[in-house]
Amino acid sequence: MSDGFLGEYYGIDWVTLILGVTGSYITTNMGKLYIGMCVGLFTCTGGMAVAALSHQNGFIVYNALLMCLNLRGLYKGWKKSKLAMQLTSDAQAHAHVQLAAANDPAPARDPFPSKPALAA
């Protein structure tokens, strides 16, 4: 029943195996969540293809759920990095204002000076 080393599924199962191990390694050992989750999406796609070719509906659902989890992780990571970039730019703007105020030779003037005191 086997068609050589690649098997019945045109080598998709072997590519899926390699992508799955690589994605897990990138995510856990290298700490690159974005890249690992993108590789995980390709892994799930390959897993779904093999499951469809072998008529294993449970694995199709399993890989679809894993794809949803990878997409959720990518979205949360994107949202978190967007927030971090916003906080960084706000902090840089605040530091720039403080630096400008520290280097300003003229003292700050009160825009609403109080009334002069009446002489007695």
PDB file of N, CA and C in Angstrom:
ATOM      1  N   MET A   1       0.816  -1.189   0.000  1.00  0.00           N
ATOM      2  CA  MET A   1       0.000   0.000   0.000  1.00  0.00           C
ATOM      3  C   MET A   1       0.867   1.264   0.000  1.00  0.00           C
ATOM      4  N   SER A   2       2.100   1.182   0.485  1.00  0.00           N
ATOM      5  CA  SER A   2       2.974   2.340   0.536  1.00  0.00           C
ATOM      6  C   SER A   2       3.633   2.569  -0.818  1.00  0.00           C
ATOM      7  N   ASP A   3       3.764   3.809  -1.208  1.00  0.00           N
ATOM      8  CA  ASP A   3       4.393   4.165  -2.485  1.00  0.00           C
ATOM      9  C   ASP A   3       5.807   4.669  -2.265  1.00  0.00           C
ATOM     10  N   GLY A   4       6.650   3.901  -1.637  1.00  0.00           N
ATOM     11  CA  GLY A   4       8.016   4.305  -1.388  1.00  0.00           C
ATOM     12  C   GLY A   4       8.146   5.079  -0.086  1.00  0.00           C
ATOM     13  N   PHE A   5       9.219   5.828   0.011  1.00  0.00           N
ATOM     14  CA  PHE A   5       9.513   6.545   1.257  1.00  0.00           C
ATOM     15  C   PHE A   5       8.501   7.642   1.555  1.00  0.00           C
ATOM     16  N   LEU A   6       8.027   8.310   0.526  1.00  0.00           N
ATOM     17  CA  LEU A   6       7.096   9.416   0.741  1.00  0.00           C
ATOM     18  C   LEU A   6       5.734   8.944   1.215  1.00  0.00           C
ATOM     19  N   GLY A   7       5.358   7.737   0.906  1.00  0.00           N
ATOM     20  CA  GLY A   7       4.089   7.205   1.377  1.00  0.00           C
ATOM     21  C   GLY A   7       2.928   7.602   0.494  1.00  0.00           C
ATOM     22  N   GLU A   8       1.740   7.470   1.043  1.00  0.00           N
ATOM     23  CA  GLU A   8       0.513   7.690   0.277  1.00  0.00           C
ATOM     24  C   GLU A   8       0.120   9.162   0.159  1.00  0.00           C
ATOM     25  N   TYR A   9       0.690  10.015   0.941  1.00  0.00           N
ATOM     26  CA  TYR A   9       0.203  11.389   1.036  1.00  0.00           C
ATOM     27  C   TYR A   9       1.156  12.398   0.403  1.00  0.00           C
ATOM     28  N   TYR A  10       1.921  11.951  -0.577  1.00  0.00           N
ATOM     29  CA  TYR A  10       2.763  12.816  -1.410  1.00  0.00           C
ATOM     30  C   TYR A  10       3.828  13.574  -0.613  1.00  0.00           C
ATOM     31  N   GLY A  11       4.189  13.067   0.523  1.00  0.00           N
ATOM     32  CA  GLY A  11       5.212  13.712   1.344  1.00  0.00           C
ATOM     33  C   GLY A  11       4.689  14.842   2.212  1.00  0.00           C
ATOM     34  N   ILE A  12       3.393  15.125   2.120  1.00  0.00           N
ATOM     35  CA  ILE A  12       2.815  16.211   2.928  1.00  0.00           C
ATOM     36  C   ILE A  12       2.956  15.895   4.411  1.00  0.00           C
ATOM     37  N   ASP A  13       2.823  14.613   4.762  1.00  0.00           N
ATOM     38  CA  ASP A  13       2.936  14.235   6.164  1.00  0.00           C
ATOM     39  C   ASP A  13       4.349  14.474   6.694  1.00  0.00           C
ATOM     40  N   TRP A  14       5.368  14.228   5.852  1.00  0.00           N
ATOM     41  CA  TRP A  14       6.746  14.462   6.289  1.00  0.00           C
ATOM     42  C   TRP A  14       7.046  15.957   6.396  1.00  0.00           C
ATOM     43  N   VAL A  15       6.556  16.736   5.457  1.00  0.00           N
ATOM     44  CA  VAL A  15       6.741  18.188   5.521  1.00  0.00           C
ATOM     45  C   VAL A  15       6.045  18.745   6.761  1.00  0.00           C
ATOM     46  N   THR A  16       4.852  18.215   7.051  1.00  0.00           N
ATOM     47  CA  THR A  16       4.122  18.640   8.241  1.00  0.00           C
ATOM     48  C   THR A  16       4.891  18.309   9.504  1.00  0.00           C
ATOM     49  N   LEU A  17       5.495  17.123   9.543  1.00  0.00           N
ATOM     50  CA  LEU A  17       6.310  16.731  10.694  1.00  0.00           C
ATOM     51  C   LEU A  17       7.482  17.695  10.892  1.00  0.00           C
ATOM     52  N   ILE A  18       8.184  17.981   9.820  1.00  0.00           N
ATOM     53  CA  ILE A  18       9.347  18.880   9.910  1.00  0.00           C
ATOM     54  C   ILE A  18       8.908  20.289  10.316  1.00  0.00           C
ATOM     55  N   LEU A  19       7.841  20.790   9.717  1.00  0.00           N
ATOM     56  CA  LEU A  19       7.345  22.126  10.079  1.00  0.00           C
ATOM     57  C   LEU A  19       6.887  22.174  11.530  1.00  0.00           C
ATOM     58  N   GLY A  20       6.226  21.121  11.991  1.00  0.00           N
ATOM     59  CA  GLY A  20       5.743  21.100  13.374  1.00  0.00           C
ATOM     60  C   GLY A  20       6.876  21.135  14.378  1.00  0.00           C
ATOM     61  N   VAL A  21       7.891  20.336  14.150  1.00  0.00           N
ATOM     62  CA  VAL A  21       9.040  20.319  15.062  1.00  0.00           C
ATOM     63  C   VAL A  21       9.782  21.650  14.996  1.00  0.00           C
ATOM     64  N   THR A  22       9.955  22.188  13.792  1.00  0.00           N
ATOM     65  CA  THR A  22      10.644  23.474  13.637  1.00  0.00           C
ATOM     66  C   THR A  22       9.871  24.601  14.311  1.00  0.00           C
ATOM     67  N   GLY A  23       8.564  24.628  14.108  1.00  0.00           N
ATOM     68  CA  GLY A  23       7.748  25.667  14.740  1.00  0.00           C
ATOM     69  C   GLY A  23       7.790  25.597  16.254  1.00  0.00           C
ATOM     70  N   SER A  24       7.735  24.392  16.793  1.00  0.00           N
ATOM     71  CA  SER A  24       7.815  24.236  18.247  1.00  0.00           C
ATOM     72  C   SER A  24       9.180  24.668  18.767  1.00  0.00           C
ATOM     73  N   TYR A  25      10.246  24.320  18.044  1.00  0.00           N
ATOM     74  CA  TYR A  25      11.588  24.717  18.462  1.00  0.00           C
ATOM     75  C   TYR A  25      11.740  26.232  18.442  1.00  0.00           C
ATOM     76  N   ILE A  26      11.280  26.861  17.367  1.00  0.00           N
ATOM     77  CA  ILE A  26      11.399  28.320  17.250  1.00  0.00           C
ATOM     78  C   ILE A  26      10.625  29.011  18.368  1.00  0.00           C
ATOM     79  N   THR A  27       9.431  28.510  18.654  1.00  0.00           N
ATOM     80  CA  THR A  27       8.594  29.144  19.674  1.00  0.00           C
ATOM     81  C   THR A  27       9.167  28.966  21.072  1.00  0.00           C
ATOM     82  N   THR A  28       9.620  27.762  21.398  1.00  0.00           N
ATOM     83  CA  THR A  28      10.030  27.491  22.778  1.00  0.00           C
ATOM     84  C   THR A  28      11.489  27.811  23.055  1.00  0.00           C
ATOM     85  N   ASN A  29      12.392  27.448  22.172  1.00  0.00           N
ATOM     86  CA  ASN A  29      13.813  27.623  22.469  1.00  0.00           C
ATOM     87  C   ASN A  29      14.380  28.951  22.006  1.00  0.00           C
ATOM     88  N   MET A  30      13.860  29.486  20.923  1.00  0.00           N
ATOM     89  CA  MET A  30      14.398  30.733  20.403  1.00  0.00           C
ATOM     90  C   MET A  30      13.599  31.936  20.885  1.00  0.00           C
ATOM     91  N   GLY A  31      12.394  31.711  21.398  1.00  0.00           N
ATOM     92  CA  GLY A  31      11.578  32.796  21.920  1.00  0.00           C
ATOM     93  C   GLY A  31      10.977  33.695  20.860  1.00  0.00           C
ATOM     94  N   LYS A  32      10.894  33.233  19.638  1.00  0.00           N
ATOM     95  CA  LYS A  32      10.322  34.051  18.560  1.00  0.00           C
ATOM     96  C   LYS A  32       8.899  33.567  18.307  1.00  0.00           C
ATOM     97  N   LEU A  33       7.981  34.096  19.084  1.00  0.00           N
ATOM     98  CA  LEU A  33       6.605  33.626  19.034  1.00  0.00           C
ATOM     99  C   LEU A  33       5.956  33.885  17.684  1.00  0.00           C
ATOM    100  N   TYR A  34       6.179  35.045  17.116  1.00  0.00           N
ATOM    101  CA  TYR A  34       5.539  35.402  15.846  1.00  0.00           C
ATOM    102  C   TYR A  34       5.919  34.411  14.753  1.00  0.00           C
ATOM    103  N   ILE A  35       7.208  34.155  14.606  1.00  0.00           N
ATOM    104  CA  ILE A  35       7.675  33.241  13.566  1.00  0.00           C
ATOM    105  C   ILE A  35       7.194  31.826  13.852  1.00  0.00           C
ATOM    106  N   GLY A  36       7.261  31.408  15.113  1.00  0.00           N
ATOM    107  CA  GLY A  36       6.814  30.070  15.477  1.00  0.00           C
ATOM    108  C   GLY A  36       5.344  29.849  15.197  1.00  0.00           C
ATOM    109  N   MET A  37       4.528  30.857  15.445  1.00  0.00           N
ATOM    110  CA  MET A  37       3.095  30.714  15.191  1.00  0.00           C
ATOM    111  C   MET A  37       2.783  30.736  13.699  1.00  0.00           C
ATOM    112  N   CYS A  38       3.551  31.491  12.928  1.00  0.00           N
ATOM    113  CA  CYS A  38       3.369  31.462  11.473  1.00  0.00           C
ATOM    114  C   CYS A  38       3.728  30.086  10.922  1.00  0.00           C
ATOM    115  N   VAL A  39       4.820  29.500  11.410  1.00  0.00           N
ATOM    116  CA  VAL A  39       5.183  28.147  10.990  1.00  0.00           C
ATOM    117  C   VAL A  39       4.105  27.166  11.446  1.00  0.00           C
ATOM    118  N   GLY A  40       3.536  27.407  12.641  1.00  0.00           N
ATOM    119  CA  GLY A  40       2.451  26.565  13.142  1.00  0.00           C
ATOM    120  C   GLY A  40       1.231  26.596  12.242  1.00  0.00           C
ATOM    121  N   LEU A  41       0.941  27.742  11.641  1.00  0.00           N
ATOM    122  CA  LEU A  41      -0.179  27.830  10.697  1.00  0.00           C
ATOM    123  C   LEU A  41       0.062  26.947   9.469  1.00  0.00           C
ATOM    124  N   PHE A  42       1.284  26.968   8.944  1.00  0.00           N
ATOM    125  CA  PHE A  42       1.600  26.107   7.813  1.00  0.00           C
ATOM    126  C   PHE A  42       1.548  24.637   8.213  1.00  0.00           C
ATOM    127  N   THR A  43       1.975  24.345   9.429  1.00  0.00           N
ATOM    128  CA  THR A  43       1.918  22.976   9.933  1.00  0.00           C
ATOM    129  C   THR A  43       0.475  22.487   9.990  1.00  0.00           C
ATOM    130  N   CYS A  44      -0.411  23.314  10.496  1.00  0.00           N
ATOM    131  CA  CYS A  44      -1.824  22.940  10.580  1.00  0.00           C
ATOM    132  C   CYS A  44      -2.438  22.755   9.204  1.00  0.00           C
ATOM    133  N   THR A  45      -2.021  23.575   8.263  1.00  0.00           N
ATOM    134  CA  THR A  45      -2.518  23.434   6.897  1.00  0.00           C
ATOM    135  C   THR A  45      -2.099  22.082   6.320  1.00  0.00           C
ATOM    136  N   GLY A  46      -0.842  21.715   6.524  1.00  0.00           N
ATOM    137  CA  GLY A  46      -0.381  20.399   6.072  1.00  0.00           C
ATOM    138  C   GLY A  46      -1.093  19.271   6.790  1.00  0.00           C
ATOM    139  N   GLY A  47      -1.297  19.439   8.087  1.00  0.00           N
ATOM    140  CA  GLY A  47      -2.013  18.425   8.860  1.00  0.00           C
ATOM    141  C   GLY A  47      -3.442  18.243   8.386  1.00  0.00           C
ATOM    142  N   MET A  48      -4.080  19.348   8.044  1.00  0.00           N
ATOM    143  CA  MET A  48      -5.445  19.262   7.525  1.00  0.00           C
ATOM    144  C   MET A  48      -5.475  18.559   6.160  1.00  0.00           C
ATOM    145  N   ALA A  49      -4.467  18.819   5.337  1.00  0.00           N
ATOM    146  CA  ALA A  49      -4.414  18.170   4.025  1.00  0.00           C
ATOM    147  C   ALA A  49      -4.245  16.663   4.179  1.00  0.00           C
ATOM    148  N   VAL A  50      -3.338  16.238   5.046  1.00  0.00           N
ATOM    149  CA  VAL A  50      -3.135  14.801   5.274  1.00  0.00           C
ATOM    150  C   VAL A  50      -4.392  14.176   5.865  1.00  0.00           C
ATOM    151  N   ALA A  51      -5.025  14.869   6.815  1.00  0.00           N
ATOM    152  CA  ALA A  51      -6.244  14.344   7.427  1.00  0.00           C
ATOM    153  C   ALA A  51      -7.364  14.234   6.403  1.00  0.00           C
ATOM    154  N   ALA A  52      -7.444  15.184   5.482  1.00  0.00           N
ATOM    155  CA  ALA A  52      -8.480  15.117   4.452  1.00  0.00           C
ATOM    156  C   ALA A  52      -8.210  13.968   3.483  1.00  0.00           C
ATOM    157  N   LEU A  53      -6.936  13.778   3.114  1.00  0.00           N
ATOM    158  CA  LEU A  53      -6.599  12.683   2.207  1.00  0.00           C
ATOM    159  C   LEU A  53      -6.851  11.315   2.836  1.00  0.00           C
ATOM    160  N   SER A  54      -6.690  11.231   4.152  1.00  0.00           N
ATOM    161  CA  SER A  54      -6.879   9.945   4.844  1.00  0.00           C
ATOM    162  C   SER A  54      -8.274   9.824   5.452  1.00  0.00           C
ATOM    163  N   HIS A  55      -9.130  10.793   5.215  1.00  0.00           N
ATOM    164  CA  HIS A  55     -10.526  10.775   5.694  1.00  0.00           C
ATOM    165  C   HIS A  55     -10.611  10.675   7.215  1.00  0.00           C
ATOM    166  N   GLN A  56      -9.798  11.475   7.903  1.00  0.00           N
ATOM    167  CA  GLN A  56      -9.804  11.498   9.370  1.00  0.00           C
ATOM    168  C   GLN A  56     -10.382  12.832   9.819  1.00  0.00           C
ATOM    169  N   ASN A  57     -11.678  12.848   9.987  1.00  0.00           N
ATOM    170  CA  ASN A  57     -12.378  14.095  10.296  1.00  0.00           C
ATOM    171  C   ASN A  57     -11.976  14.684  11.639  1.00  0.00           C
ATOM    172  N   GLY A  58     -11.664  13.849  12.600  1.00  0.00           N
ATOM    173  CA  GLY A  58     -11.240  14.347  13.907  1.00  0.00           C
ATOM    174  C   GLY A  58      -9.965  15.172  13.820  1.00  0.00           C
ATOM    175  N   PHE A  59      -9.022  14.725  12.988  1.00  0.00           N
ATOM    176  CA  PHE A  59      -7.782  15.479  12.831  1.00  0.00           C
ATOM    177  C   PHE A  59      -7.990  16.763  12.038  1.00  0.00           C
ATOM    178  N   ILE A  60      -8.974  16.766  11.166  1.00  0.00           N
ATOM    179  CA  ILE A  60      -9.306  18.014  10.460  1.00  0.00           C
ATOM    180  C   ILE A  60      -9.790  19.052  11.468  1.00  0.00           C
ATOM    181  N   VAL A  61     -10.687  18.640  12.366  1.00  0.00           N
ATOM    182  CA  VAL A  61     -11.195  19.557  13.394  1.00  0.00           C
ATOM    183  C   VAL A  61     -10.069  19.977  14.327  1.00  0.00           C
ATOM    184  N   TYR A  62      -9.223  19.025  14.721  1.00  0.00           N
ATOM    185  CA  TYR A  62      -8.091  19.320  15.607  1.00  0.00           C
ATOM    186  C   TYR A  62      -7.172  20.374  14.992  1.00  0.00           C
ATOM    187  N   ASN A  63      -6.810  20.196  13.723  1.00  0.00           N
ATOM    188  CA  ASN A  63      -5.926  21.161  13.069  1.00  0.00           C
ATOM    189  C   ASN A  63      -6.607  22.504  12.860  1.00  0.00           C
ATOM    190  N   ALA A  64      -7.909  22.501  12.635  1.00  0.00           N
ATOM    191  CA  ALA A  64      -8.632  23.770  12.516  1.00  0.00           C
ATOM    192  C   ALA A  64      -8.606  24.519  13.848  1.00  0.00           C
ATOM    193  N   LEU A  65      -8.767  23.793  14.950  1.00  0.00           N
ATOM    194  CA  LEU A  65      -8.690  24.438  16.276  1.00  0.00           C
ATOM    195  C   LEU A  65      -7.287  24.971  16.554  1.00  0.00           C
ATOM    196  N   LEU A  66      -6.272  24.203  16.176  1.00  0.00           N
ATOM    197  CA  LEU A  66      -4.902  24.690  16.363  1.00  0.00           C
ATOM    198  C   LEU A  66      -4.626  25.932  15.518  1.00  0.00           C
ATOM    199  N   MET A  67      -5.182  25.969  14.314  1.00  0.00           N
ATOM    200  CA  MET A  67      -5.024  27.166  13.481  1.00  0.00           C
ATOM    201  C   MET A  67      -5.660  28.378  14.154  1.00  0.00           C
ATOM    202  N   CYS A  68      -6.836  28.171  14.753  1.00  0.00           N
ATOM    203  CA  CYS A  68      -7.502  29.267  15.463  1.00  0.00           C
ATOM    204  C   CYS A  68      -6.653  29.749  16.636  1.00  0.00           C
ATOM    205  N   LEU A  69      -6.038  28.813  17.362  1.00  0.00           N
ATOM    206  CA  LEU A  69      -5.179  29.204  18.484  1.00  0.00           C
ATOM    207  C   LEU A  69      -3.944  29.962  18.003  1.00  0.00           C
ATOM    208  N   ASN A  70      -3.356  29.532  16.896  1.00  0.00           N
ATOM    209  CA  ASN A  70      -2.207  30.248  16.344  1.00  0.00           C
ATOM    210  C   ASN A  70      -2.597  31.644  15.873  1.00  0.00           C
ATOM    211  N   LEU A  71      -3.748  31.751  15.217  1.00  0.00           N
ATOM    212  CA  LEU A  71      -4.218  33.070  14.776  1.00  0.00           C
ATOM    213  C   LEU A  71      -4.501  33.978  15.967  1.00  0.00           C
ATOM    214  N   ARG A  72      -5.076  33.412  17.025  1.00  0.00           N
ATOM    215  CA  ARG A  72      -5.346  34.186  18.244  1.00  0.00           C
ATOM    216  C   ARG A  72      -4.038  34.679  18.861  1.00  0.00           C
ATOM    217  N   GLY A  73      -3.048  33.794  18.912  1.00  0.00           N
ATOM    218  CA  GLY A  73      -1.741  34.183  19.443  1.00  0.00           C
ATOM    219  C   GLY A  73      -1.076  35.268  18.614  1.00  0.00           C
ATOM    220  N   LEU A  74      -1.184  35.152  17.288  1.00  0.00           N
ATOM    221  CA  LEU A  74      -0.629  36.193  16.419  1.00  0.00           C
ATOM    222  C   LEU A  74      -1.323  37.522  16.648  1.00  0.00           C
ATOM    223  N   TYR A  75      -2.646  37.492  16.772  1.00  0.00           N
ATOM    224  CA  TYR A  75      -3.398  38.725  16.986  1.00  0.00           C
ATOM    225  C   TYR A  75      -3.039  39.362  18.326  1.00  0.00           C
ATOM    226  N   LYS A  76      -2.982  38.544  19.382  1.00  0.00           N
ATOM    227  CA  LYS A  76      -2.650  39.088  20.701  1.00  0.00           C
ATOM    228  C   LYS A  76      -1.231  39.635  20.725  1.00  0.00           C
ATOM    229  N   GLY A  77      -0.316  38.944  20.041  1.00  0.00           N
ATOM    230  CA  GLY A  77       1.057  39.430  19.965  1.00  0.00           C
ATOM    231  C   GLY A  77       1.152  40.729  19.189  1.00  0.00           C
ATOM    232  N   TRP A  78       0.385  40.829  18.102  1.00  0.00           N
ATOM    233  CA  TRP A  78       0.372  42.058  17.306  1.00  0.00           C
ATOM    234  C   TRP A  78      -0.186  43.211  18.137  1.00  0.00           C
ATOM    235  N   LYS A  79      -1.273  42.928  18.864  1.00  0.00           N
ATOM    236  CA  LYS A  79      -1.904  43.959  19.689  1.00  0.00           C
ATOM    237  C   LYS A  79      -0.956  44.408  20.808  1.00  0.00           C
ATOM    238  N   LYS A  80      -0.263  43.452  21.404  1.00  0.00           N
ATOM    239  CA  LYS A  80       0.674  43.766  22.489  1.00  0.00           C
ATOM    240  C   LYS A  80       1.860  44.580  21.961  1.00  0.00           C
ATOM    241  N   SER A  81       2.372  44.223  20.791  1.00  0.00           N
ATOM    242  CA  SER A  81       3.500  44.972  20.234  1.00  0.00           C
ATOM    243  C   SER A  81       3.068  46.372  19.816  1.00  0.00           C
ATOM    244  N   LYS A  82       1.836  46.502  19.329  1.00  0.00           N
ATOM    245  CA  LYS A  82       1.322  47.818  18.963  1.00  0.00           C
ATOM    246  C   LYS A  82       1.218  48.705  20.202  1.00  0.00           C
ATOM    247  N   LEU A  83       0.748  48.142  21.318  1.00  0.00           N
ATOM    248  CA  LEU A  83       0.653  48.881  22.570  1.00  0.00           C
ATOM    249  C   LEU A  83       2.041  49.256  23.068  1.00  0.00           C
ATOM    250  N   ALA A  84       2.996  48.322  22.963  1.00  0.00           N
ATOM    251  CA  ALA A  84       4.360  48.603  23.403  1.00  0.00           C
ATOM    252  C   ALA A  84       4.985  49.722  22.583  1.00  0.00           C
ATOM    253  N   MET A  85       4.722  49.723  21.267  1.00  0.00           N
ATOM    254  CA  MET A  85       5.251  50.795  20.427  1.00  0.00           C
ATOM    255  C   MET A  85       4.626  52.131  20.809  1.00  0.00           C
ATOM    256  N   GLN A  86       3.339  52.135  21.134  1.00  0.00           N
ATOM    257  CA  GLN A  86       2.662  53.366  21.539  1.00  0.00           C
ATOM    258  C   GLN A  86       3.243  53.882  22.847  1.00  0.00           C
ATOM    259  N   LEU A  87       3.451  52.975  23.808  1.00  0.00           N
ATOM    260  CA  LEU A  87       4.020  53.389  25.091  1.00  0.00           C
ATOM    261  C   LEU A  87       5.436  53.909  24.921  1.00  0.00           C
ATOM    262  N   THR A  88       6.211  53.278  24.046  1.00  0.00           N
ATOM    263  CA  THR A  88       7.577  53.730  23.796  1.00  0.00           C
ATOM    264  C   THR A  88       7.580  55.119  23.172  1.00  0.00           C
ATOM    265  N   SER A  89       6.709  55.354  22.193  1.00  0.00           N
ATOM    266  CA  SER A  89       6.678  56.672  21.553  1.00  0.00           C
ATOM    267  C   SER A  89       6.193  57.738  22.535  1.00  0.00           C
ATOM    268  N   ASP A  90       5.230  57.388  23.407  1.00  0.00           N
ATOM    269  CA  ASP A  90       4.775  58.338  24.429  1.00  0.00           C
ATOM    270  C   ASP A  90       5.901  58.671  25.403  1.00  0.00           C
ATOM    271  N   ALA A  91       6.663  57.650  25.801  1.00  0.00           N
ATOM    272  CA  ALA A  91       7.773  57.876  26.731  1.00  0.00           C
ATOM    273  C   ALA A  91       8.855  58.736  26.083  1.00  0.00           C
ATOM    274  N   GLN A  92       9.123  58.502  24.792  1.00  0.00           N
ATOM    275  CA  GLN A  92      10.119  59.315  24.100  1.00  0.00           C
ATOM    276  C   GLN A  92       9.654  60.762  23.981  1.00  0.00           C
ATOM    277  N   ALA A  93       8.385  60.969  23.697  1.00  0.00           N
ATOM    278  CA  ALA A  93       7.855  62.329  23.587  1.00  0.00           C
ATOM    279  C   ALA A  93       7.933  63.030  24.942  1.00  0.00           C
ATOM    280  N   HIS A  94       7.618  62.321  26.017  1.00  0.00           N
ATOM    281  CA  HIS A  94       7.680  62.894  27.361  1.00  0.00           C
ATOM    282  C   HIS A  94       9.126  63.245  27.722  1.00  0.00           C
ATOM    283  N   ALA A  95      10.066  62.381  27.377  1.00  0.00           N
ATOM    284  CA  ALA A  95      11.474  62.654  27.659  1.00  0.00           C
ATOM    285  C   ALA A  95      11.954  63.854  26.858  1.00  0.00           C
ATOM    286  N   HIS A  96      11.482  63.979  25.618  1.00  0.00           N
ATOM    287  CA  HIS A  96      11.862  65.121  24.788  1.00  0.00           C
ATOM    288  C   HIS A  96      11.356  66.426  25.400  1.00  0.00           C
ATOM    289  N   VAL A  97      10.129  66.439  25.909  1.00  0.00           N
ATOM    290  CA  VAL A  97       9.569  67.637  26.540  1.00  0.00           C
ATOM    291  C   VAL A  97      10.350  67.979  27.798  1.00  0.00           C
ATOM    292  N   GLN A  98      10.692  66.967  28.599  1.00  0.00           N
ATOM    293  CA  GLN A  98      11.459  67.222  29.827  1.00  0.00           C
ATOM    294  C   GLN A  98      12.839  67.765  29.495  1.00  0.00           C
ATOM    295  N   LEU A  99      13.474  67.226  28.467  1.00  0.00           N
ATOM    296  CA  LEU A  99      14.797  67.687  28.073  1.00  0.00           C
ATOM    297  C   LEU A  99      14.722  69.126  27.579  1.00  0.00           C
ATOM    298  N   ALA A 100      13.714  69.455  26.803  1.00  0.00           N
ATOM    299  CA  ALA A 100      13.561  70.826  26.307  1.00  0.00           C
ATOM    300  C   ALA A 100      13.328  71.790  27.472  1.00  0.00           C
ATOM    301  N   ALA A 101      12.547  71.374  28.452  1.00  0.00           N
ATOM    302  CA  ALA A 101      12.291  72.241  29.610  1.00  0.00           C
ATOM    303  C   ALA A 101      13.551  72.425  30.441  1.00  0.00           C
ATOM    304  N   ALA A 102      14.368  71.403  30.549  1.00  0.00           N
ATOM    305  CA  ALA A 102      15.601  71.502  31.334  1.00  0.00           C
ATOM    306  C   ALA A 102      16.620  72.402  30.650  1.00  0.00           C
ATOM    307  N   ASN A 103      16.623  72.445  29.324  1.00  0.00           N
ATOM    308  CA  ASN A 103      17.588  73.255  28.590  1.00  0.00           C
ATOM    309  C   ASN A 103      17.093  74.668  28.309  1.00  0.00           C
ATOM    310  N   ASP A 104      15.877  74.993  28.688  1.00  0.00           N
ATOM    311  CA  ASP A 104      15.307  76.314  28.438  1.00  0.00           C
ATOM    312  C   ASP A 104      15.918  77.308  29.433  1.00  0.00           C
ATOM    313  N   PRO A 105      16.648  78.350  28.939  1.00  0.00           N
ATOM    314  CA  PRO A 105      17.283  79.293  29.867  1.00  0.00           C
ATOM    315  C   PRO A 105      16.275  80.227  30.540  1.00  0.00           C
ATOM    316  N   ALA A 106      15.176  80.498  29.891  1.00  0.00           N
ATOM    317  CA  ALA A 106      14.197  81.421  30.468  1.00  0.00           C
ATOM    318  C   ALA A 106      13.300  80.656  31.437  1.00  0.00           C
ATOM    319  N   PRO A 107      13.028  81.256  32.591  1.00  0.00           N
ATOM    320  CA  PRO A 107      12.121  80.576  33.514  1.00  0.00           C
ATOM    321  C   PRO A 107      10.707  80.554  32.935  1.00  0.00           C
ATOM    322  N   ALA A 108       9.969  79.576  33.328  1.00  0.00           N
ATOM    323  CA  ALA A 108       8.594  79.465  32.840  1.00  0.00           C
ATOM    324  C   ALA A 108       7.773  80.620  33.388  1.00  0.00           C
ATOM    325  N   ARG A 109       6.978  81.225  32.534  1.00  0.00           N
ATOM    326  CA  ARG A 109       6.140  82.339  32.965  1.00  0.00           C
ATOM    327  C   ARG A 109       4.755  81.839  33.276  1.00  0.00           C
ATOM    328  N   ASP A 110       4.163  82.480  34.243  1.00  0.00           N
ATOM    329  CA  ASP A 110       2.801  82.123  34.611  1.00  0.00           C
ATOM    330  C   ASP A 110       1.869  82.763  33.587  1.00  0.00           C
ATOM    331  N   PRO A 111       1.068  81.979  32.862  1.00  0.00           N
ATOM    332  CA  PRO A 111       0.189  82.575  31.859  1.00  0.00           C
ATOM    333  C   PRO A 111      -0.939  83.401  32.478  1.00  0.00           C
ATOM    334  N   PHE A 112      -1.227  83.187  33.752  1.00  0.00           N
ATOM    335  CA  PHE A 112      -2.268  83.929  34.447  1.00  0.00           C
ATOM    336  C   PHE A 112      -1.652  84.557  35.695  1.00  0.00           C
ATOM    337  N   PRO A 113      -0.921  85.659  35.521  1.00  0.00           N
ATOM    338  CA  PRO A 113      -0.281  86.252  36.695  1.00  0.00           C
ATOM    339  C   PRO A 113      -1.337  86.784  37.669  1.00  0.00           C
ATOM    340  N   SER A 114      -1.016  86.659  38.932  1.00  0.00           N
ATOM    341  CA  SER A 114      -1.960  87.151  39.940  1.00  0.00           C
ATOM    342  C   SER A 114      -1.912  88.678  39.959  1.00  0.00           C
ATOM    343  N   LYS A 115      -2.938  89.278  40.535  1.00  0.00           N
ATOM    344  CA  LYS A 115      -3.006  90.726  40.612  1.00  0.00           C
ATOM    345  C   LYS A 115      -1.910  91.224  41.554  1.00  0.00           C
ATOM    346  N   PRO A 116      -1.336  92.374  41.217  1.00  0.00           N
ATOM    347  CA  PRO A 116      -0.304  92.901  42.115  1.00  0.00           C
ATOM    348  C   PRO A 116      -0.944  93.280  43.464  1.00  0.00           C
ATOM    349  N   ALA A 117      -0.148  93.113  44.488  1.00  0.00           N
ATOM    350  CA  ALA A 117      -0.643  93.433  45.834  1.00  0.00           C
ATOM    351  C   ALA A 117      -0.795  94.956  45.955  1.00  0.00           C
ATOM    352  N   LEU A 118      -1.819  95.370  46.628  1.00  0.00           N
ATOM    353  CA  LEU A 118      -2.086  96.793  46.861  1.00  0.00           C
ATOM    354  C   LEU A 118      -1.166  97.297  47.983  1.00  0.00           C
ATOM    355  N   ALA A 119      -0.587  98.428  47.741  1.00  0.00           N
ATOM    356  CA  ALA A 119       0.291  99.000  48.759  1.00  0.00           C
ATOM    357  C   ALA A 119      -0.598  99.645  49.832  1.00  0.00           C
ATOM    358  N   ALA A 120      -0.205  99.484  51.060  1.00  0.00           N
ATOM    359  CA  ALA A 120      -0.988 100.019  52.149  1.00  0.00           C
ATOM    360  C   ALA A 120      -0.640 101.415  52.495  1.00  0.00           C
TER     361      ALA A 120
END
